[in-house]
Amino acid sequence: MTSRATTILCIDDDPEVLRAREQLLEMNGFLVFTASSGAEGLQLLSDGQTVDLVLLDYVMPGMSGKQLAEELKRLYPQVPIVLVSGFQELPETLLRMVDGYVRKGQDPEVVIRTIAQALAAGHE
């Protein structure tokens, strides 16, 4: 029996940050797809790409992380979302919508642990 790698869609408008997150996730055994905007991420999913979790940035031009999280929850309610932000405080409505939250600049282990917790909660 072969097991499928856990798939993560990572969405961030900063190419350097996106690449660093992709490398971190791949080093930890995840299969990673990336998108540089909310619209691009939604397009990947509507084209049939299945993912186990979405890791997304809060501040992005065009569609914000909050708008994207709302759309993801509407279209793909079973997919956990982990939000990444540099802001100290975020709207409570947003925090209730996502399955995990990581502050930018936190130790990579915190990111991996938060993703693992969100994935585990989705399988309870």
N, C-alpha and C. Protein backbone atom coordinates (compact mmCIF):
# COMPACT_ATOMS: atom_id res chain seq x y z
N MET A 1 0.84 -1.17 0.00
CA MET A 1 0.00 0.00 0.00
C MET A 1 0.89 1.24 0.00
N THR A 2 0.62 2.18 -0.90
CA THR A 2 1.41 3.41 -0.93
C THR A 2 0.59 4.53 -0.32
N SER A 3 1.26 5.40 0.41
CA SER A 3 0.55 6.53 0.99
C SER A 3 0.88 7.77 0.19
N ARG A 4 -0.11 8.59 0.05
CA ARG A 4 0.03 9.83 -0.71
C ARG A 4 0.59 10.90 0.22
N ALA A 5 1.51 11.70 -0.31
CA ALA A 5 2.06 12.79 0.49
C ALA A 5 0.97 13.82 0.76
N THR A 6 1.03 14.42 1.93
CA THR A 6 0.09 15.49 2.27
C THR A 6 0.40 16.68 1.37
N THR A 7 -0.65 17.22 0.75
CA THR A 7 -0.50 18.28 -0.23
C THR A 7 -0.93 19.62 0.36
N ILE A 8 -0.07 20.62 0.19
CA ILE A 8 -0.36 21.96 0.70
C ILE A 8 -0.30 22.96 -0.44
N LEU A 9 -1.30 23.84 -0.47
CA LEU A 9 -1.29 24.97 -1.38
C LEU A 9 -0.84 26.17 -0.58
N CYS A 10 0.28 26.75 -0.97
CA CYS A 10 0.87 27.90 -0.29
C CYS A 10 0.63 29.14 -1.15
N ILE A 11 -0.03 30.15 -0.58
CA ILE A 11 -0.37 31.35 -1.34
C ILE A 11 0.24 32.57 -0.67
N ASP A 12 1.08 33.28 -1.42
CA ASP A 12 1.72 34.50 -0.93
C ASP A 12 2.16 35.33 -2.13
N ASP A 13 2.01 36.64 -2.05
CA ASP A 13 2.38 37.51 -3.18
C ASP A 13 3.87 37.83 -3.22
N ASP A 14 4.62 37.51 -2.17
CA ASP A 14 6.05 37.77 -2.14
C ASP A 14 6.79 36.53 -2.64
N PRO A 15 7.44 36.60 -3.83
CA PRO A 15 8.08 35.40 -4.40
C PRO A 15 9.15 34.79 -3.51
N GLU A 16 9.92 35.61 -2.81
CA GLU A 16 10.98 35.08 -1.94
C GLU A 16 10.39 34.33 -0.75
N VAL A 17 9.37 34.89 -0.16
CA VAL A 17 8.70 34.25 0.98
C VAL A 17 8.04 32.96 0.52
N LEU A 18 7.40 33.01 -0.63
CA LEU A 18 6.73 31.84 -1.19
C LEU A 18 7.73 30.70 -1.41
N ARG A 19 8.88 31.02 -1.97
CA ARG A 19 9.91 30.00 -2.23
C ARG A 19 10.47 29.44 -0.93
N ALA A 20 10.68 30.30 0.06
CA ALA A 20 11.20 29.83 1.35
C ALA A 20 10.21 28.90 2.04
N ARG A 21 8.92 29.25 1.99
CA ARG A 21 7.91 28.38 2.59
C ARG A 21 7.82 27.06 1.83
N GLU A 22 7.89 27.14 0.52
CA GLU A 22 7.85 25.92 -0.29
C GLU A 22 8.98 24.98 0.10
N GLN A 23 10.19 25.52 0.25
CA GLN A 23 11.35 24.70 0.63
C GLN A 23 11.16 24.10 2.02
N LEU A 24 10.69 24.90 2.96
CA LEU A 24 10.46 24.42 4.32
C LEU A 24 9.47 23.26 4.32
N LEU A 25 8.37 23.44 3.61
CA LEU A 25 7.34 22.41 3.57
C LEU A 25 7.83 21.14 2.87
N GLU A 26 8.54 21.29 1.77
CA GLU A 26 9.08 20.13 1.06
C GLU A 26 10.09 19.38 1.90
N MET A 27 10.93 20.11 2.65
CA MET A 27 11.92 19.47 3.52
C MET A 27 11.24 18.66 4.62
N ASN A 28 9.98 19.01 4.92
CA ASN A 28 9.23 18.30 5.96
C ASN A 28 8.26 17.28 5.36
N GLY A 29 8.48 16.94 4.10
CA GLY A 29 7.75 15.83 3.49
C GLY A 29 6.44 16.16 2.81
N PHE A 30 6.11 17.43 2.70
CA PHE A 30 4.85 17.81 2.06
C PHE A 30 5.05 17.99 0.55
N LEU A 31 4.01 17.71 -0.20
CA LEU A 31 3.95 18.04 -1.62
C LEU A 31 3.35 19.43 -1.69
N VAL A 32 4.02 20.37 -2.36
CA VAL A 32 3.62 21.77 -2.30
C VAL A 32 3.28 22.32 -3.68
N PHE A 33 2.16 23.02 -3.74
CA PHE A 33 1.80 23.81 -4.90
C PHE A 33 1.79 25.25 -4.42
N THR A 34 2.20 26.17 -5.29
CA THR A 34 2.25 27.57 -4.89
C THR A 34 1.40 28.43 -5.82
N ALA A 35 0.97 29.55 -5.26
CA ALA A 35 0.23 30.55 -6.03
C ALA A 35 0.63 31.92 -5.50
N SER A 36 0.75 32.89 -6.39
CA SER A 36 1.20 34.21 -5.98
C SER A 36 0.03 35.18 -5.73
N SER A 37 -1.20 34.68 -5.80
CA SER A 37 -2.37 35.51 -5.49
C SER A 37 -3.53 34.61 -5.12
N GLY A 38 -4.53 35.22 -4.49
CA GLY A 38 -5.72 34.46 -4.15
C GLY A 38 -6.41 33.93 -5.39
N ALA A 39 -6.50 34.75 -6.42
CA ALA A 39 -7.15 34.33 -7.66
C ALA A 39 -6.42 33.14 -8.28
N GLU A 40 -5.10 33.16 -8.26
CA GLU A 40 -4.32 32.05 -8.81
C GLU A 40 -4.54 30.78 -8.00
N GLY A 41 -4.60 30.92 -6.69
CA GLY A 41 -4.85 29.76 -5.83
C GLY A 41 -6.23 29.16 -6.07
N LEU A 42 -7.23 30.02 -6.18
CA LEU A 42 -8.59 29.54 -6.46
C LEU A 42 -8.66 28.87 -7.83
N GLN A 43 -7.92 29.39 -8.79
CA GLN A 43 -7.91 28.80 -10.13
C GLN A 43 -7.31 27.39 -10.10
N LEU A 44 -6.22 27.22 -9.35
CA LEU A 44 -5.62 25.89 -9.20
C LEU A 44 -6.65 24.89 -8.67
N LEU A 45 -7.38 25.31 -7.65
CA LEU A 45 -8.36 24.42 -7.04
C LEU A 45 -9.53 24.16 -7.99
N SER A 46 -9.99 25.19 -8.68
CA SER A 46 -11.12 24.99 -9.60
C SER A 46 -10.72 24.15 -10.81
N ASP A 47 -9.42 24.12 -11.12
CA ASP A 47 -8.92 23.28 -12.21
C ASP A 47 -8.81 21.81 -11.78
N GLY A 48 -9.11 21.54 -10.51
CA GLY A 48 -9.13 20.16 -10.05
C GLY A 48 -7.99 19.74 -9.16
N GLN A 49 -7.07 20.65 -8.85
CA GLN A 49 -5.97 20.30 -7.95
C GLN A 49 -6.55 20.08 -6.55
N THR A 50 -6.32 18.91 -5.99
CA THR A 50 -6.78 18.67 -4.63
C THR A 50 -5.64 18.95 -3.65
N VAL A 51 -6.00 19.51 -2.50
CA VAL A 51 -5.02 19.82 -1.48
C VAL A 51 -5.58 19.41 -0.12
N ASP A 52 -4.68 19.17 0.81
CA ASP A 52 -5.07 18.79 2.16
C ASP A 52 -5.13 20.00 3.09
N LEU A 53 -4.47 21.10 2.69
CA LEU A 53 -4.44 22.29 3.52
C LEU A 53 -4.00 23.47 2.66
N VAL A 54 -4.49 24.67 3.03
CA VAL A 54 -4.04 25.90 2.38
C VAL A 54 -3.32 26.75 3.42
N LEU A 55 -2.12 27.17 3.08
CA LEU A 55 -1.33 28.09 3.91
C LEU A 55 -1.32 29.41 3.17
N LEU A 56 -1.91 30.46 3.78
CA LEU A 56 -2.03 31.70 3.03
C LEU A 56 -1.61 32.92 3.82
N ASP A 57 -1.14 33.90 3.07
CA ASP A 57 -0.73 35.18 3.62
C ASP A 57 -1.97 36.04 3.85
N TYR A 58 -1.91 36.89 4.85
CA TYR A 58 -3.04 37.76 5.18
C TYR A 58 -3.10 38.99 4.27
N VAL A 59 -1.96 39.64 4.07
CA VAL A 59 -1.94 40.88 3.29
C VAL A 59 -1.43 40.59 1.89
N MET A 60 -2.35 40.68 0.92
CA MET A 60 -1.99 40.49 -0.48
C MET A 60 -2.79 41.49 -1.31
N PRO A 61 -2.22 41.98 -2.40
CA PRO A 61 -2.98 42.89 -3.25
C PRO A 61 -4.11 42.13 -3.96
N GLY A 62 -5.12 42.86 -4.33
CA GLY A 62 -6.26 42.24 -5.01
C GLY A 62 -7.18 41.60 -4.01
N MET A 63 -7.01 40.32 -3.75
CA MET A 63 -7.83 39.58 -2.80
C MET A 63 -7.03 39.39 -1.52
N SER A 64 -7.53 39.94 -0.42
CA SER A 64 -6.83 39.81 0.86
C SER A 64 -6.95 38.38 1.38
N GLY A 65 -6.16 38.07 2.37
CA GLY A 65 -6.23 36.76 3.00
C GLY A 65 -7.60 36.50 3.60
N LYS A 66 -8.23 37.55 4.14
CA LYS A 66 -9.58 37.39 4.71
C LYS A 66 -10.58 37.06 3.62
N GLN A 67 -10.53 37.79 2.51
CA GLN A 67 -11.45 37.51 1.40
C GLN A 67 -11.22 36.11 0.85
N LEU A 68 -9.95 35.73 0.73
CA LEU A 68 -9.62 34.41 0.21
C LEU A 68 -10.09 33.32 1.16
N ALA A 69 -9.88 33.51 2.46
CA ALA A 69 -10.34 32.51 3.44
C ALA A 69 -11.85 32.35 3.36
N GLU A 70 -12.58 33.45 3.22
CA GLU A 70 -14.04 33.38 3.10
C GLU A 70 -14.43 32.55 1.88
N GLU A 71 -13.77 32.80 0.76
CA GLU A 71 -14.08 32.09 -0.48
C GLU A 71 -13.70 30.62 -0.39
N LEU A 72 -12.56 30.34 0.21
CA LEU A 72 -12.13 28.94 0.39
C LEU A 72 -13.11 28.18 1.27
N LYS A 73 -13.56 28.80 2.35
CA LYS A 73 -14.51 28.14 3.26
C LYS A 73 -15.85 27.91 2.57
N ARG A 74 -16.23 28.81 1.69
CA ARG A 74 -17.49 28.66 0.96
C ARG A 74 -17.39 27.53 -0.06
N LEU A 75 -16.29 27.50 -0.81
CA LEU A 75 -16.14 26.52 -1.90
C LEU A 75 -15.56 25.18 -1.45
N TYR A 76 -14.67 25.20 -0.47
CA TYR A 76 -13.96 23.99 -0.03
C TYR A 76 -13.95 23.92 1.50
N PRO A 77 -15.12 23.78 2.10
CA PRO A 77 -15.22 23.85 3.57
C PRO A 77 -14.42 22.78 4.31
N GLN A 78 -14.10 21.68 3.64
CA GLN A 78 -13.38 20.59 4.29
C GLN A 78 -11.87 20.82 4.34
N VAL A 79 -11.37 21.81 3.60
CA VAL A 79 -9.92 22.05 3.53
C VAL A 79 -9.49 23.00 4.64
N PRO A 80 -8.62 22.55 5.54
CA PRO A 80 -8.13 23.43 6.60
C PRO A 80 -7.30 24.59 6.03
N ILE A 81 -7.36 25.72 6.74
CA ILE A 81 -6.62 26.91 6.35
C ILE A 81 -5.73 27.34 7.50
N VAL A 82 -4.46 27.60 7.20
CA VAL A 82 -3.54 28.19 8.17
C VAL A 82 -3.14 29.54 7.62
N LEU A 83 -3.33 30.57 8.42
CA LEU A 83 -3.06 31.95 8.03
C LEU A 83 -1.70 32.38 8.56
N VAL A 84 -0.98 33.14 7.74
CA VAL A 84 0.32 33.69 8.13
C VAL A 84 0.20 35.21 8.07
N SER A 85 0.59 35.89 9.14
CA SER A 85 0.49 37.35 9.15
C SER A 85 1.55 37.97 10.04
N GLY A 86 1.95 39.17 9.68
CA GLY A 86 2.87 39.94 10.49
C GLY A 86 2.14 40.84 11.47
N PHE A 87 0.83 40.94 11.35
CA PHE A 87 0.05 41.79 12.23
C PHE A 87 -0.07 41.18 13.62
N GLN A 88 -0.01 42.04 14.63
CA GLN A 88 -0.17 41.60 16.02
C GLN A 88 -1.59 41.13 16.28
N GLU A 89 -2.56 41.90 15.77
CA GLU A 89 -3.96 41.58 16.02
C GLU A 89 -4.69 41.44 14.69
N LEU A 90 -5.54 40.44 14.63
CA LEU A 90 -6.33 40.18 13.44
C LEU A 90 -7.81 40.18 13.82
N PRO A 91 -8.68 40.43 12.85
CA PRO A 91 -10.12 40.42 13.16
C PRO A 91 -10.55 39.06 13.72
N GLU A 92 -11.35 39.11 14.77
CA GLU A 92 -11.83 37.88 15.40
C GLU A 92 -12.62 37.01 14.43
N THR A 93 -13.34 37.65 13.52
CA THR A 93 -14.11 36.88 12.53
C THR A 93 -13.17 36.06 11.64
N LEU A 94 -12.03 36.61 11.32
CA LEU A 94 -11.05 35.89 10.51
C LEU A 94 -10.44 34.73 11.29
N LEU A 95 -10.08 34.98 12.53
CA LEU A 95 -9.46 33.93 13.35
C LEU A 95 -10.41 32.76 13.57
N ARG A 96 -11.72 33.03 13.64
CA ARG A 96 -12.70 31.94 13.79
C ARG A 96 -12.85 31.15 12.50
N MET A 97 -12.52 31.78 11.38
CA MET A 97 -12.68 31.16 10.06
C MET A 97 -11.53 30.20 9.72
N VAL A 98 -10.34 30.45 10.25
CA VAL A 98 -9.17 29.66 9.90
C VAL A 98 -8.91 28.58 10.95
N ASP A 99 -8.12 27.59 10.56
CA ASP A 99 -7.84 26.46 11.43
C ASP A 99 -6.51 26.58 12.17
N GLY A 100 -5.76 27.61 11.84
CA GLY A 100 -4.49 27.86 12.49
C GLY A 100 -3.95 29.22 12.08
N TYR A 101 -3.09 29.77 12.93
CA TYR A 101 -2.53 31.09 12.66
C TYR A 101 -1.07 31.10 13.11
N VAL A 102 -0.22 31.62 12.23
CA VAL A 102 1.21 31.71 12.51
C VAL A 102 1.64 33.13 12.22
N ARG A 103 2.42 33.68 13.13
CA ARG A 103 2.97 35.03 12.90
C ARG A 103 4.20 34.92 12.02
N LYS A 104 4.34 35.87 11.11
CA LYS A 104 5.54 35.91 10.27
C LYS A 104 6.76 36.02 11.16
N GLY A 105 7.81 35.31 10.77
CA GLY A 105 9.06 35.37 11.51
C GLY A 105 9.15 34.35 12.64
N GLN A 106 8.08 33.59 12.89
CA GLN A 106 8.16 32.58 13.93
C GLN A 106 9.06 31.45 13.46
N ASP A 107 9.56 30.71 14.42
CA ASP A 107 10.42 29.57 14.13
C ASP A 107 9.72 28.63 13.15
N PRO A 108 10.45 28.10 12.17
CA PRO A 108 9.85 27.17 11.20
C PRO A 108 9.15 25.98 11.86
N GLU A 109 9.64 25.55 13.01
CA GLU A 109 9.00 24.44 13.71
C GLU A 109 7.58 24.80 14.15
N VAL A 110 7.36 26.07 14.46
CA VAL A 110 6.01 26.52 14.85
C VAL A 110 5.08 26.40 13.64
N VAL A 111 5.59 26.76 12.48
CA VAL A 111 4.80 26.65 11.25
C VAL A 111 4.42 25.19 11.01
N ILE A 112 5.37 24.30 11.08
CA ILE A 112 5.14 22.87 10.83
C ILE A 112 4.19 22.30 11.88
N ARG A 113 4.38 22.67 13.13
CA ARG A 113 3.51 22.18 14.21
C ARG A 113 2.06 22.67 14.02
N THR A 114 1.90 23.93 13.63
CA THR A 114 0.57 24.49 13.41
C THR A 114 -0.13 23.79 12.25
N ILE A 115 0.62 23.51 11.18
CA ILE A 115 0.07 22.79 10.04
C ILE A 115 -0.36 21.38 10.47
N ALA A 116 0.50 20.70 11.23
CA ALA A 116 0.18 19.35 11.70
C ALA A 116 -1.08 19.34 12.56
N GLN A 117 -1.22 20.34 13.42
CA GLN A 117 -2.39 20.42 14.28
C GLN A 117 -3.67 20.67 13.47
N ALA A 118 -3.58 21.55 12.46
CA ALA A 118 -4.74 21.83 11.62
C ALA A 118 -5.13 20.60 10.82
N LEU A 119 -4.15 19.86 10.32
CA LEU A 119 -4.42 18.63 9.58
C LEU A 119 -5.05 17.58 10.48
N ALA A 120 -4.52 17.43 11.69
CA ALA A 120 -5.05 16.44 12.64
C ALA A 120 -6.48 16.79 13.04
N ALA A 121 -6.74 18.05 13.26
CA ALA A 121 -8.10 18.48 13.65
C ALA A 121 -9.10 18.21 12.53
N GLY A 122 -8.64 18.32 11.29
CA GLY A 122 -9.52 18.07 10.15
C GLY A 122 -9.86 16.61 9.97
N HIS A 123 -9.09 15.71 10.61
CA HIS A 123 -9.31 14.28 10.46
C HIS A 123 -9.96 13.65 11.69
N GLU A 124 -10.38 14.49 12.64
CA GLU A 124 -11.00 13.96 13.88
C GLU A 124 -12.40 13.48 13.60
